[in-house]
């Protein structure tokens, strides 16, 4: 899966974003921000959660946002982040390259309102050294994502 599935995801939708592949790791928000020359907030991080009722979903937020437990519980209920192996098995992307595009398993996508602070953000593109530039609105449209307020 990985970057190839991300490319296929966009091709199926008639969208051709420029996917940047670098020679350095962009697996963390700090590394990605430095490598792409942007502030950490512009990095769109994708987190995976499993709720107590078994639901699994992705939450995409600005890179410098933190999940707010009170807001998260109000939006989703009780749950916890998934471990690295489970994330990769479900998404097809390694941790550090997880994005809401080209998923191995169809998962609901939620986008934190924090992303709306920017006209353009940089989510990973299926590998630990890739990213693409996209507007939060287009990301929501292409993924069927729902806007939530779960971060501070």
N, C-alpha and C. Protein backbone atom coordinates (compact mmCIF):
# COMPACT_ATOMS: atom_id res chain seq x y z
N UNK A 1 0.86 -1.17 0.00
CA UNK A 1 0.00 0.00 0.00
C UNK A 1 0.91 1.24 0.00
N UNK A 2 0.86 2.03 1.04
CA UNK A 2 1.73 3.18 1.14
C UNK A 2 1.51 4.22 0.06
N UNK A 3 2.60 4.77 -0.41
CA UNK A 3 2.53 5.89 -1.36
C UNK A 3 1.82 5.51 -2.66
N UNK A 4 1.96 4.26 -3.09
CA UNK A 4 1.27 3.82 -4.31
C UNK A 4 -0.25 3.88 -4.14
N UNK A 5 -0.74 3.50 -2.97
CA UNK A 5 -2.19 3.55 -2.76
C UNK A 5 -2.68 4.99 -2.64
N UNK A 6 -1.83 5.88 -2.14
CA UNK A 6 -2.19 7.29 -2.07
C UNK A 6 -2.30 7.86 -3.49
N UNK A 7 -1.33 7.54 -4.33
CA UNK A 7 -1.38 7.99 -5.73
C UNK A 7 -2.65 7.46 -6.42
N UNK A 8 -2.97 6.19 -6.18
CA UNK A 8 -4.16 5.58 -6.79
C UNK A 8 -5.44 6.26 -6.27
N UNK A 9 -5.49 6.57 -4.99
CA UNK A 9 -6.63 7.25 -4.38
C UNK A 9 -6.93 8.55 -5.14
N UNK A 10 -5.89 9.35 -5.35
CA UNK A 10 -6.08 10.63 -6.03
C UNK A 10 -6.40 10.44 -7.51
N UNK A 11 -5.75 9.48 -8.16
CA UNK A 11 -6.01 9.23 -9.58
C UNK A 11 -7.47 8.83 -9.80
N UNK A 12 -8.02 8.01 -8.91
CA UNK A 12 -9.41 7.58 -9.03
C UNK A 12 -10.38 8.75 -8.90
N UNK A 13 -9.93 9.82 -8.30
CA UNK A 13 -10.78 10.99 -8.09
C UNK A 13 -10.45 12.13 -9.05
N UNK A 14 -9.54 11.87 -9.97
CA UNK A 14 -9.19 12.87 -10.96
C UNK A 14 -8.43 14.06 -10.39
N UNK A 15 -7.73 13.82 -9.29
CA UNK A 15 -6.95 14.88 -8.64
C UNK A 15 -5.47 14.49 -8.74
N UNK A 16 -4.64 15.46 -9.06
CA UNK A 16 -3.22 15.17 -9.22
C UNK A 16 -2.37 16.08 -8.34
N UNK A 17 -2.35 15.78 -7.03
CA UNK A 17 -1.53 16.62 -6.16
C UNK A 17 -0.06 16.30 -6.36
N UNK A 18 0.77 17.27 -6.12
CA UNK A 18 2.21 17.02 -6.20
C UNK A 18 2.64 16.35 -4.90
N UNK A 19 3.05 15.10 -4.96
CA UNK A 19 3.55 14.38 -3.79
C UNK A 19 5.05 14.57 -3.74
N UNK A 20 5.52 15.12 -2.64
CA UNK A 20 6.94 15.36 -2.46
C UNK A 20 7.55 14.19 -1.71
N UNK A 21 8.59 13.60 -2.28
CA UNK A 21 9.35 12.54 -1.61
C UNK A 21 10.74 13.09 -1.33
N UNK A 22 11.15 13.02 -0.08
CA UNK A 22 12.43 13.57 0.34
C UNK A 22 13.42 12.46 0.69
N UNK A 23 14.67 12.82 0.78
CA UNK A 23 15.72 11.87 1.17
C UNK A 23 15.86 11.77 2.69
N UNK A 24 15.09 12.57 3.41
CA UNK A 24 15.14 12.56 4.88
C UNK A 24 13.79 12.14 5.43
N UNK A 25 13.80 11.67 6.65
CA UNK A 25 12.56 11.27 7.31
C UNK A 25 11.70 12.49 7.66
N UNK A 26 10.43 12.34 7.44
CA UNK A 26 9.45 13.34 7.86
C UNK A 26 8.41 12.67 8.76
N UNK A 27 8.88 11.67 9.51
CA UNK A 27 7.99 10.81 10.30
C UNK A 27 7.40 11.48 11.54
N UNK A 28 7.94 12.62 11.95
CA UNK A 28 7.36 13.35 13.08
C UNK A 28 6.97 14.73 12.60
N UNK A 29 6.13 15.39 13.36
CA UNK A 29 5.72 16.75 13.01
C UNK A 29 6.95 17.66 12.91
N UNK A 30 7.84 17.57 13.89
CA UNK A 30 9.03 18.43 13.89
C UNK A 30 9.91 18.18 12.67
N UNK A 31 10.15 16.92 12.35
CA UNK A 31 10.97 16.59 11.18
C UNK A 31 10.30 17.05 9.89
N UNK A 32 9.00 16.84 9.79
CA UNK A 32 8.27 17.22 8.58
C UNK A 32 8.28 18.74 8.41
N UNK A 33 8.03 19.47 9.48
CA UNK A 33 8.02 20.93 9.40
C UNK A 33 9.38 21.46 8.96
N UNK A 34 10.43 20.92 9.53
CA UNK A 34 11.78 21.35 9.17
C UNK A 34 12.08 21.01 7.70
N UNK A 35 11.78 19.80 7.31
CA UNK A 35 12.09 19.35 5.95
C UNK A 35 11.33 20.13 4.88
N UNK A 36 10.09 20.51 5.19
CA UNK A 36 9.25 21.22 4.21
C UNK A 36 9.29 22.73 4.40
N UNK A 37 10.01 23.20 5.41
CA UNK A 37 10.15 24.63 5.63
C UNK A 37 8.87 25.34 6.01
N UNK A 38 8.06 24.67 6.83
CA UNK A 38 6.80 25.27 7.29
C UNK A 38 6.72 25.20 8.81
N UNK A 39 5.80 25.96 9.38
CA UNK A 39 5.60 25.88 10.82
C UNK A 39 4.93 24.54 11.17
N UNK A 40 5.18 24.00 12.36
CA UNK A 40 4.62 22.70 12.73
C UNK A 40 3.10 22.60 12.60
N UNK A 41 2.39 23.69 12.84
CA UNK A 41 0.94 23.66 12.73
C UNK A 41 0.44 23.28 11.35
N UNK A 42 1.21 23.57 10.31
CA UNK A 42 0.80 23.27 8.94
C UNK A 42 0.92 21.79 8.58
N UNK A 43 1.60 21.02 9.41
CA UNK A 43 1.69 19.58 9.18
C UNK A 43 0.37 18.97 9.68
N UNK A 44 -0.28 18.22 8.83
CA UNK A 44 -1.55 17.58 9.20
C UNK A 44 -1.25 16.17 9.69
N UNK A 45 -1.34 15.97 11.00
CA UNK A 45 -1.05 14.64 11.54
C UNK A 45 -2.32 13.81 11.59
N UNK A 46 -2.17 12.52 11.31
CA UNK A 46 -3.31 11.60 11.29
C UNK A 46 -3.14 10.61 12.42
N UNK A 47 -4.12 10.59 13.31
CA UNK A 47 -4.11 9.71 14.50
C UNK A 47 -5.22 8.67 14.35
N UNK A 48 -4.96 7.46 14.83
CA UNK A 48 -5.95 6.38 14.74
C UNK A 48 -6.42 6.00 16.14
N UNK A 49 -7.73 5.82 16.29
CA UNK A 49 -8.33 5.51 17.58
C UNK A 49 -9.27 4.32 17.48
N UNK A 50 -9.36 3.59 18.59
CA UNK A 50 -10.38 2.55 18.75
C UNK A 50 -11.21 2.93 19.97
N UNK A 51 -12.50 2.98 19.76
CA UNK A 51 -13.42 3.34 20.83
C UNK A 51 -13.83 2.10 21.61
N UNK A 52 -14.37 2.31 22.80
CA UNK A 52 -14.78 1.18 23.65
C UNK A 52 -15.85 0.32 22.99
N UNK A 53 -16.62 0.89 22.07
CA UNK A 53 -17.63 0.10 21.36
C UNK A 53 -17.06 -0.61 20.13
N UNK A 54 -15.74 -0.49 19.91
CA UNK A 54 -15.08 -1.18 18.81
C UNK A 54 -14.87 -0.36 17.56
N UNK A 55 -15.51 0.80 17.47
CA UNK A 55 -15.32 1.65 16.28
C UNK A 55 -13.85 2.06 16.17
N UNK A 56 -13.38 2.10 14.94
CA UNK A 56 -12.03 2.59 14.65
C UNK A 56 -12.17 3.73 13.65
N UNK A 57 -11.41 4.79 13.86
CA UNK A 57 -11.47 5.92 12.95
C UNK A 57 -10.16 6.69 12.97
N UNK A 58 -10.02 7.59 12.01
CA UNK A 58 -8.86 8.47 11.92
C UNK A 58 -9.28 9.88 12.28
N UNK A 59 -8.39 10.57 12.99
CA UNK A 59 -8.59 11.98 13.32
C UNK A 59 -7.38 12.73 12.76
N UNK A 60 -7.63 13.69 11.89
CA UNK A 60 -6.57 14.51 11.31
C UNK A 60 -6.61 15.88 11.99
N UNK A 61 -5.45 16.33 12.48
CA UNK A 61 -5.38 17.61 13.19
C UNK A 61 -4.12 18.35 12.79
N UNK A 62 -4.07 19.62 13.08
CA UNK A 62 -2.85 20.38 12.81
C UNK A 62 -1.73 19.82 13.67
N UNK A 63 -0.51 19.93 13.17
CA UNK A 63 0.62 19.28 13.80
C UNK A 63 0.92 19.68 15.22
N UNK A 64 0.62 20.92 15.59
CA UNK A 64 0.92 21.36 16.95
C UNK A 64 -0.28 21.28 17.89
N UNK A 65 -1.36 20.67 17.44
CA UNK A 65 -2.55 20.51 18.27
C UNK A 65 -2.41 19.27 19.15
N UNK A 66 -3.03 19.33 20.29
CA UNK A 66 -3.08 18.16 21.19
C UNK A 66 -4.54 17.76 21.37
N UNK A 67 -4.77 16.45 21.45
CA UNK A 67 -6.12 15.98 21.69
C UNK A 67 -6.54 16.46 23.08
N UNK A 68 -7.70 17.08 23.16
CA UNK A 68 -8.27 17.55 24.41
C UNK A 68 -9.22 16.46 24.90
N UNK A 69 -8.90 15.84 26.03
CA UNK A 69 -9.68 14.70 26.51
C UNK A 69 -11.16 15.02 26.66
N UNK A 70 -11.49 16.18 27.19
CA UNK A 70 -12.89 16.54 27.39
C UNK A 70 -13.61 16.69 26.06
N UNK A 71 -13.00 17.41 25.12
CA UNK A 71 -13.61 17.58 23.81
C UNK A 71 -13.71 16.24 23.06
N UNK A 72 -12.65 15.43 23.17
CA UNK A 72 -12.64 14.14 22.49
C UNK A 72 -13.79 13.26 22.99
N UNK A 73 -13.94 13.18 24.32
CA UNK A 73 -15.01 12.36 24.88
C UNK A 73 -16.39 12.89 24.49
N UNK A 74 -16.53 14.21 24.41
CA UNK A 74 -17.81 14.79 23.99
C UNK A 74 -18.12 14.44 22.54
N UNK A 75 -17.09 14.40 21.70
CA UNK A 75 -17.30 14.11 20.28
C UNK A 75 -17.46 12.63 19.98
N UNK A 76 -16.69 11.78 20.71
CA UNK A 76 -16.62 10.37 20.33
C UNK A 76 -16.94 9.37 21.44
N UNK A 77 -16.79 9.75 22.69
CA UNK A 77 -16.90 8.80 23.79
C UNK A 77 -15.52 8.38 24.24
N UNK A 78 -15.44 7.26 24.94
CA UNK A 78 -14.17 6.79 25.46
C UNK A 78 -13.45 5.92 24.44
N UNK A 79 -12.14 6.14 24.34
CA UNK A 79 -11.35 5.35 23.42
C UNK A 79 -9.88 5.55 23.66
N UNK A 80 -9.07 4.91 22.82
CA UNK A 80 -7.62 5.06 22.97
C UNK A 80 -6.96 4.99 21.59
N UNK A 81 -5.76 5.54 21.54
CA UNK A 81 -5.01 5.50 20.29
C UNK A 81 -4.56 4.06 20.02
N UNK A 82 -4.47 3.72 18.75
CA UNK A 82 -4.02 2.39 18.36
C UNK A 82 -2.50 2.31 18.38
N UNK A 83 -1.98 1.11 18.58
CA UNK A 83 -0.55 0.87 18.52
C UNK A 83 -0.06 0.86 17.09
N UNK A 84 1.24 1.01 16.92
CA UNK A 84 1.85 1.15 15.60
C UNK A 84 1.52 -0.02 14.65
N UNK A 85 1.60 -1.25 15.14
CA UNK A 85 1.36 -2.40 14.26
C UNK A 85 -0.08 -2.44 13.77
N UNK A 86 -1.01 -2.12 14.67
CA UNK A 86 -2.41 -2.13 14.29
C UNK A 86 -2.72 -1.00 13.31
N UNK A 87 -2.09 0.17 13.53
CA UNK A 87 -2.28 1.30 12.62
C UNK A 87 -1.84 0.92 11.22
N UNK A 88 -0.65 0.34 11.10
CA UNK A 88 -0.14 -0.02 9.78
C UNK A 88 -1.01 -1.11 9.13
N UNK A 89 -1.46 -2.08 9.91
CA UNK A 89 -2.31 -3.15 9.37
C UNK A 89 -3.63 -2.58 8.83
N UNK A 90 -4.22 -1.64 9.55
CA UNK A 90 -5.51 -1.08 9.15
C UNK A 90 -5.41 -0.06 8.02
N UNK A 91 -4.37 0.76 8.05
CA UNK A 91 -4.27 1.84 7.07
C UNK A 91 -3.45 1.46 5.84
N UNK A 92 -2.49 0.55 6.02
CA UNK A 92 -1.56 0.23 4.94
C UNK A 92 -0.40 1.20 4.88
N UNK A 93 -0.34 2.12 5.83
CA UNK A 93 0.72 3.12 5.88
C UNK A 93 1.51 2.95 7.18
N UNK A 94 2.83 3.11 7.14
CA UNK A 94 3.62 3.02 8.37
C UNK A 94 3.39 4.25 9.25
N UNK A 95 3.55 4.07 10.55
CA UNK A 95 3.46 5.21 11.45
C UNK A 95 4.53 6.22 11.02
N UNK A 96 4.13 7.46 10.93
CA UNK A 96 5.00 8.50 10.39
C UNK A 96 4.66 8.81 8.94
N UNK A 97 3.86 7.94 8.32
CA UNK A 97 3.42 8.15 6.95
C UNK A 97 1.91 8.01 6.82
N UNK A 98 1.23 7.88 7.97
CA UNK A 98 -0.22 7.66 7.96
C UNK A 98 -0.93 8.92 7.48
N UNK A 99 -1.89 8.72 6.61
CA UNK A 99 -2.71 9.80 6.08
C UNK A 99 -4.11 9.24 5.82
N UNK A 100 -5.08 10.09 5.55
CA UNK A 100 -6.44 9.60 5.33
C UNK A 100 -6.73 9.17 3.89
N UNK A 101 -5.69 9.03 3.08
CA UNK A 101 -5.85 8.70 1.66
C UNK A 101 -5.31 7.29 1.37
N UNK A 102 -5.98 6.56 0.48
CA UNK A 102 -5.48 5.27 0.03
C UNK A 102 -5.37 4.23 1.13
N UNK A 103 -6.38 4.16 1.95
CA UNK A 103 -6.37 3.27 3.11
C UNK A 103 -6.60 1.81 2.73
N UNK A 104 -5.92 0.91 3.42
CA UNK A 104 -6.10 -0.53 3.20
C UNK A 104 -7.49 -0.97 3.66
N UNK A 105 -7.98 -0.35 4.71
CA UNK A 105 -9.30 -0.63 5.26
C UNK A 105 -10.08 0.68 5.26
N UNK A 106 -11.26 0.71 4.68
CA UNK A 106 -12.04 1.96 4.74
C UNK A 106 -12.34 2.32 6.20
N UNK A 107 -11.98 3.54 6.57
CA UNK A 107 -12.20 4.01 7.93
C UNK A 107 -12.85 5.39 7.90
N UNK A 108 -13.72 5.67 8.87
CA UNK A 108 -14.25 7.03 8.96
C UNK A 108 -13.11 8.01 9.23
N UNK A 109 -13.21 9.19 8.63
CA UNK A 109 -12.20 10.22 8.82
C UNK A 109 -12.87 11.44 9.44
N UNK A 110 -12.26 11.93 10.50
CA UNK A 110 -12.70 13.17 11.15
C UNK A 110 -11.55 14.16 11.04
N UNK A 111 -11.90 15.41 10.80
CA UNK A 111 -10.90 16.46 10.70
C UNK A 111 -11.15 17.47 11.81
N UNK A 112 -10.12 17.70 12.61
CA UNK A 112 -10.27 18.66 13.69
C UNK A 112 -10.33 20.07 13.12
N UNK A 113 -11.16 20.89 13.73
CA UNK A 113 -11.33 22.27 13.26
C UNK A 113 -10.03 23.06 13.27
N UNK A 114 -9.05 22.59 14.01
CA UNK A 114 -7.75 23.27 14.06
C UNK A 114 -7.12 23.39 12.68
N UNK A 115 -7.43 22.47 11.77
CA UNK A 115 -6.89 22.52 10.42
C UNK A 115 -7.38 23.74 9.64
N UNK A 116 -8.55 24.25 10.03
CA UNK A 116 -9.14 25.36 9.30
C UNK A 116 -8.40 26.68 9.53
N UNK A 117 -7.39 26.66 10.38
CA UNK A 117 -6.56 27.85 10.58
C UNK A 117 -5.68 28.12 9.37
N UNK A 118 -5.57 27.15 8.47
CA UNK A 118 -4.66 27.26 7.33
C UNK A 118 -5.39 27.05 6.01
N UNK A 119 -4.93 27.74 4.98
CA UNK A 119 -5.48 27.54 3.63
C UNK A 119 -4.95 26.26 3.03
N UNK A 120 -3.76 25.84 3.48
CA UNK A 120 -3.10 24.65 2.93
C UNK A 120 -2.34 23.96 4.06
N UNK A 121 -2.44 22.63 4.09
CA UNK A 121 -1.71 21.83 5.08
C UNK A 121 -0.94 20.73 4.36
N UNK A 122 -0.03 20.10 5.11
CA UNK A 122 0.80 19.04 4.53
C UNK A 122 0.62 17.74 5.31
N UNK A 123 -0.26 16.87 4.85
CA UNK A 123 -0.34 15.54 5.45
C UNK A 123 0.73 14.64 4.81
N UNK A 124 1.05 13.56 5.50
CA UNK A 124 1.94 12.55 4.92
C UNK A 124 1.25 11.97 3.69
N UNK A 125 2.00 11.20 2.91
CA UNK A 125 1.44 10.60 1.70
C UNK A 125 1.73 9.11 1.62
N UNK A 126 1.66 8.43 2.77
CA UNK A 126 1.79 6.98 2.78
C UNK A 126 3.16 6.42 3.07
N UNK A 127 4.16 7.30 3.26
CA UNK A 127 5.50 6.84 3.62
C UNK A 127 6.12 7.83 4.60
N UNK A 128 7.21 7.44 5.22
CA UNK A 128 7.83 8.28 6.26
C UNK A 128 8.71 9.38 5.69
N UNK A 129 8.67 9.56 4.38
CA UNK A 129 9.45 10.65 3.78
C UNK A 129 8.66 11.35 2.66
N UNK A 130 7.35 11.32 2.74
CA UNK A 130 6.52 11.94 1.70
C UNK A 130 5.43 12.81 2.31
N UNK A 131 4.98 13.75 1.52
CA UNK A 131 3.87 14.61 1.91
C UNK A 131 3.27 15.23 0.67
N UNK A 132 2.11 15.83 0.83
CA UNK A 132 1.47 16.58 -0.23
C UNK A 132 0.85 17.82 0.36
N UNK A 133 0.60 18.79 -0.47
CA UNK A 133 -0.04 20.03 -0.03
C UNK A 133 -1.50 19.98 -0.50
N UNK A 134 -2.41 20.32 0.44
CA UNK A 134 -3.84 20.23 0.14
C UNK A 134 -4.59 21.20 1.05
N UNK A 135 -5.70 21.72 0.57
CA UNK A 135 -6.53 22.55 1.44
C UNK A 135 -7.31 21.63 2.37
N UNK A 136 -7.55 22.07 3.60
CA UNK A 136 -8.36 21.25 4.51
C UNK A 136 -9.75 20.95 3.93
N UNK A 137 -10.33 21.90 3.21
CA UNK A 137 -11.66 21.69 2.63
C UNK A 137 -11.63 20.57 1.59
N UNK A 138 -10.60 20.55 0.74
CA UNK A 138 -10.50 19.49 -0.27
C UNK A 138 -10.22 18.15 0.40
N UNK A 139 -9.41 18.14 1.45
CA UNK A 139 -9.15 16.90 2.17
C UNK A 139 -10.46 16.35 2.73
N UNK A 140 -11.28 17.20 3.31
CA UNK A 140 -12.57 16.76 3.85
C UNK A 140 -13.47 16.22 2.74
N UNK A 141 -13.49 16.93 1.62
CA UNK A 141 -14.33 16.50 0.50
C UNK A 141 -13.90 15.14 -0.05
N UNK A 142 -12.61 14.97 -0.28
CA UNK A 142 -12.11 13.73 -0.89
C UNK A 142 -12.22 12.52 0.04
N UNK A 143 -12.10 12.74 1.34
CA UNK A 143 -12.14 11.62 2.28
C UNK A 143 -13.53 11.38 2.85
N UNK A 144 -14.47 12.28 2.57
CA UNK A 144 -15.78 12.19 3.21
C UNK A 144 -15.68 12.53 4.68
N UNK A 145 -14.64 13.29 5.02
CA UNK A 145 -14.36 13.62 6.41
C UNK A 145 -15.39 14.54 7.03
N UNK A 146 -15.56 14.36 8.31
CA UNK A 146 -16.50 15.19 9.09
C UNK A 146 -15.70 16.08 10.03
N UNK A 147 -16.09 17.34 10.10
CA UNK A 147 -15.40 18.29 10.99
C UNK A 147 -15.83 18.09 12.43
N UNK A 148 -14.85 18.09 13.34
CA UNK A 148 -15.11 17.94 14.77
C UNK A 148 -14.22 18.93 15.53
N UNK A 149 -14.55 19.12 16.79
CA UNK A 149 -13.72 19.95 17.68
C UNK A 149 -13.23 19.03 18.79
N UNK A 150 -12.03 18.46 18.62
CA UNK A 150 -11.51 17.48 19.58
C UNK A 150 -10.12 17.81 20.10
N UNK A 151 -9.55 18.93 19.65
CA UNK A 151 -8.17 19.26 20.05
C UNK A 151 -8.10 20.65 20.66
N UNK A 152 -6.97 20.87 21.32
CA UNK A 152 -6.71 22.21 21.87
C UNK A 152 -5.52 22.82 21.18
